[in-house]
Protein backbone atom coordinates (compact mmCIF):
# COMPACT_ATOMS: atom_id res chain seq x y z
CA MET A 1 -16.37 126.73 -50.04
CA GLY A 2 -18.43 124.35 -52.15
CA PHE A 3 -18.29 126.73 -55.12
CA VAL A 4 -14.50 126.94 -54.94
CA ALA A 5 -14.26 123.14 -54.75
CA SER A 6 -16.65 122.82 -57.68
CA ARG A 7 -14.58 125.20 -59.80
CA ILE A 8 -11.40 123.31 -58.95
CA LEU A 9 -13.10 120.04 -59.95
CA GLU A 10 -14.25 121.64 -63.20
CA ALA A 11 -10.74 122.83 -64.02
CA ALA A 12 -9.21 119.45 -63.16
CA THR A 13 -11.75 117.63 -65.33
CA ILE A 14 -11.07 119.96 -68.25
CA TYR A 15 -7.37 119.30 -67.75
CA VAL A 16 -7.97 115.52 -67.95
CA GLY A 17 -9.71 116.05 -71.29
CA ILE A 18 -6.79 118.11 -72.59
CA VAL A 19 -4.31 115.44 -71.54
CA SER A 20 -6.41 112.81 -73.36
CA LEU A 21 -6.27 114.82 -76.59
CA MET A 22 -2.56 115.47 -76.25
CA SER A 23 -1.98 111.75 -75.71
CA ILE A 24 -3.77 111.00 -78.99
CA VAL A 25 -1.55 113.56 -80.73
CA SER A 26 1.53 111.92 -79.19
CA LEU A 27 0.44 108.50 -80.46
CA ARG A 28 0.00 109.93 -83.92
CA GLN A 29 3.37 111.69 -83.92
CA ALA A 30 5.11 108.55 -82.68
CA GLY A 31 3.77 106.72 -85.73
CA ALA A 32 2.00 104.07 -83.66
CA GLY A 33 -0.35 103.35 -86.56
CA SER A 34 -3.11 100.78 -86.39
CA SER A 35 -1.56 99.01 -83.42
CA ALA A 36 -2.60 101.95 -81.22
CA LEU A 37 -6.15 102.14 -82.55
CA LEU A 38 -7.78 100.80 -79.37
CA THR A 39 -5.67 103.08 -77.20
CA GLY A 40 -6.62 106.08 -79.34
CA GLN A 41 -10.29 105.17 -79.19
CA GLY A 42 -10.08 104.79 -75.43
CA LEU A 43 -8.42 108.19 -75.09
CA ALA A 44 -11.07 109.75 -77.36
CA ALA A 45 -13.83 108.22 -75.22
CA GLN A 46 -12.13 109.55 -72.09
CA TYR A 47 -12.06 113.01 -73.65
CA GLN A 48 -15.75 112.83 -74.56
CA TRP A 49 -16.79 111.77 -71.07
CA SER A 50 -14.58 114.31 -69.32
CA PHE A 51 -15.95 117.03 -71.61
CA PHE A 52 -19.48 115.81 -70.89
CA PHE A 53 -18.97 116.16 -67.14
CA ALA A 54 -16.72 119.24 -67.07
CA GLN A 55 -18.61 121.34 -69.60
CA SER A 56 -22.17 120.15 -69.07
CA PHE A 57 -22.74 119.02 -65.49
CA ILE A 58 -20.34 121.00 -63.32
CA PRO A 59 -21.42 124.45 -64.62
CA ALA A 60 -24.93 123.58 -63.46
CA VAL A 61 -23.59 122.74 -60.00
CA ASN A 62 -21.66 126.03 -60.01
CA GLY A 63 -24.81 127.91 -60.96
CA VAL A 64 -26.79 126.37 -58.11
CA LEU A 65 -24.08 127.01 -55.53
CA LEU A 66 -23.26 130.60 -56.47
CA GLY A 67 -26.78 131.49 -57.62
CA SER A 68 -28.38 130.44 -54.33
CA LEU A 69 -25.75 132.33 -52.35
CA LEU A 70 -26.23 135.51 -54.38
CA TYR A 71 -30.02 135.17 -54.26
CA GLN A 72 -30.04 134.96 -50.46
CA SER A 73 -27.49 137.71 -49.93
CA ARG A 74 -29.07 140.12 -52.46
CA LEU A 75 -25.62 141.31 -53.54
CA VAL A 76 -26.72 141.45 -57.19
CA PRO A 77 -30.13 142.08 -58.80
CA ARG A 78 -32.49 139.15 -58.29
CA TRP A 79 -32.77 138.34 -62.00
CA LEU A 80 -29.11 137.26 -62.15
CA PRO A 81 -29.27 134.41 -59.62
CA VAL A 82 -32.74 133.42 -60.86
CA LEU A 83 -31.22 133.05 -64.33
CA ALA A 84 -28.51 130.83 -62.80
CA LEU A 85 -31.03 128.59 -61.09
CA ILE A 86 -33.23 128.28 -64.20
CA GLY A 87 -30.15 127.62 -66.34
CA ALA A 88 -28.92 124.97 -63.93
CA VAL A 89 -32.23 123.11 -64.05
CA LEU A 90 -32.28 123.19 -67.85
CA LEU A 91 -28.67 122.10 -68.12
CA ILE A 92 -29.10 119.19 -65.68
CA ALA A 93 -32.27 118.08 -67.50
CA SER A 94 -30.41 118.21 -70.80
CA TRP A 95 -27.46 116.39 -69.24
CA PHE A 96 -29.66 113.50 -68.09
CA ALA A 97 -31.39 113.39 -71.48
CA VAL A 98 -28.00 113.01 -73.17
CA LEU A 99 -26.87 110.47 -70.58
CA VAL A 100 -29.82 108.16 -71.24
CA GLY A 101 -29.64 108.68 -75.00
CA PHE A 102 -32.85 110.65 -75.39
CA ILE A 103 -31.06 113.48 -77.22
CA GLY A 104 -27.63 113.82 -78.76
CA ALA A 105 -24.81 115.62 -76.98
CA VAL A 106 -24.47 117.87 -80.01
CA SER A 107 -28.06 118.79 -80.79
CA PRO A 108 -30.20 121.91 -80.95
CA VAL A 109 -31.97 120.95 -77.71
CA ALA A 110 -28.67 120.59 -75.84
CA ALA A 111 -27.44 123.89 -77.25
CA VAL A 112 -30.60 125.77 -76.24
CA ALA A 113 -30.44 124.24 -72.74
CA ALA A 114 -26.88 125.54 -72.33
CA VAL A 115 -27.70 129.14 -73.31
CA PRO A 116 -29.16 130.35 -69.98
CA ILE A 117 -26.16 129.20 -67.91
CA ALA A 118 -23.78 130.76 -70.43
CA VAL A 119 -25.74 134.04 -70.33
CA TRP A 120 -25.66 133.85 -66.50
CA GLU A 121 -21.89 133.49 -66.35
CA PHE A 122 -21.32 136.25 -68.90
CA SER A 123 -23.89 138.61 -67.36
CA LEU A 124 -22.56 138.15 -63.84
CA GLY A 125 -19.05 139.01 -64.95
CA ILE A 126 -20.22 142.09 -66.85
CA TYR A 127 -22.45 143.24 -63.97
CA LEU A 128 -19.74 142.86 -61.34
CA THR A 129 -17.14 144.55 -63.56
CA PHE A 130 -19.20 147.70 -64.04
CA TRP A 131 -21.42 147.92 -60.93
CA GLY A 132 -19.93 145.60 -58.31
CA PHE A 133 -21.85 144.18 -55.38
CA LYS A 134 -24.83 146.03 -53.94
CA THR A 135 -24.85 146.86 -50.25
CA SER A 136 -26.39 144.19 -48.11
CA PRO A 137 -27.15 143.72 -44.41
CA ILE A 138 -24.89 140.67 -44.53
CA THR A 139 -21.89 142.69 -45.69
CA ASP A 140 -22.67 145.67 -43.48
CA ARG A 141 -22.00 143.60 -40.35
CA LEU A 142 -18.44 142.83 -41.44
């Protein structure tokens, strides 16, 4: 249930970022000019922060929630959820480092920290597409 809620929050936060960008485009097309500079800057900042949360923090939460569930249930090989948990730790550490200004949001360190969680999401989808869930005592009782 928490994973579903987390995914919904991620999608909603991404949507807020899209609306911010579209609002900037609307200001530009309306010919607002320099009088809308502060509004445009505010919308750009809103986009940056929503992107920061939706694309950097929430995937780590998703990895912890789904990774721990799959690790305990043994429905997939152990290396997949372990990759999720390692990726989540790296992504959260990178997220806090960006938040306090230790590293830049667009930096090699932030990019490397995001790789494991991206590999986790891609690998899980590929694994489940071709092999599906393994049998488990948890699912056998159903």
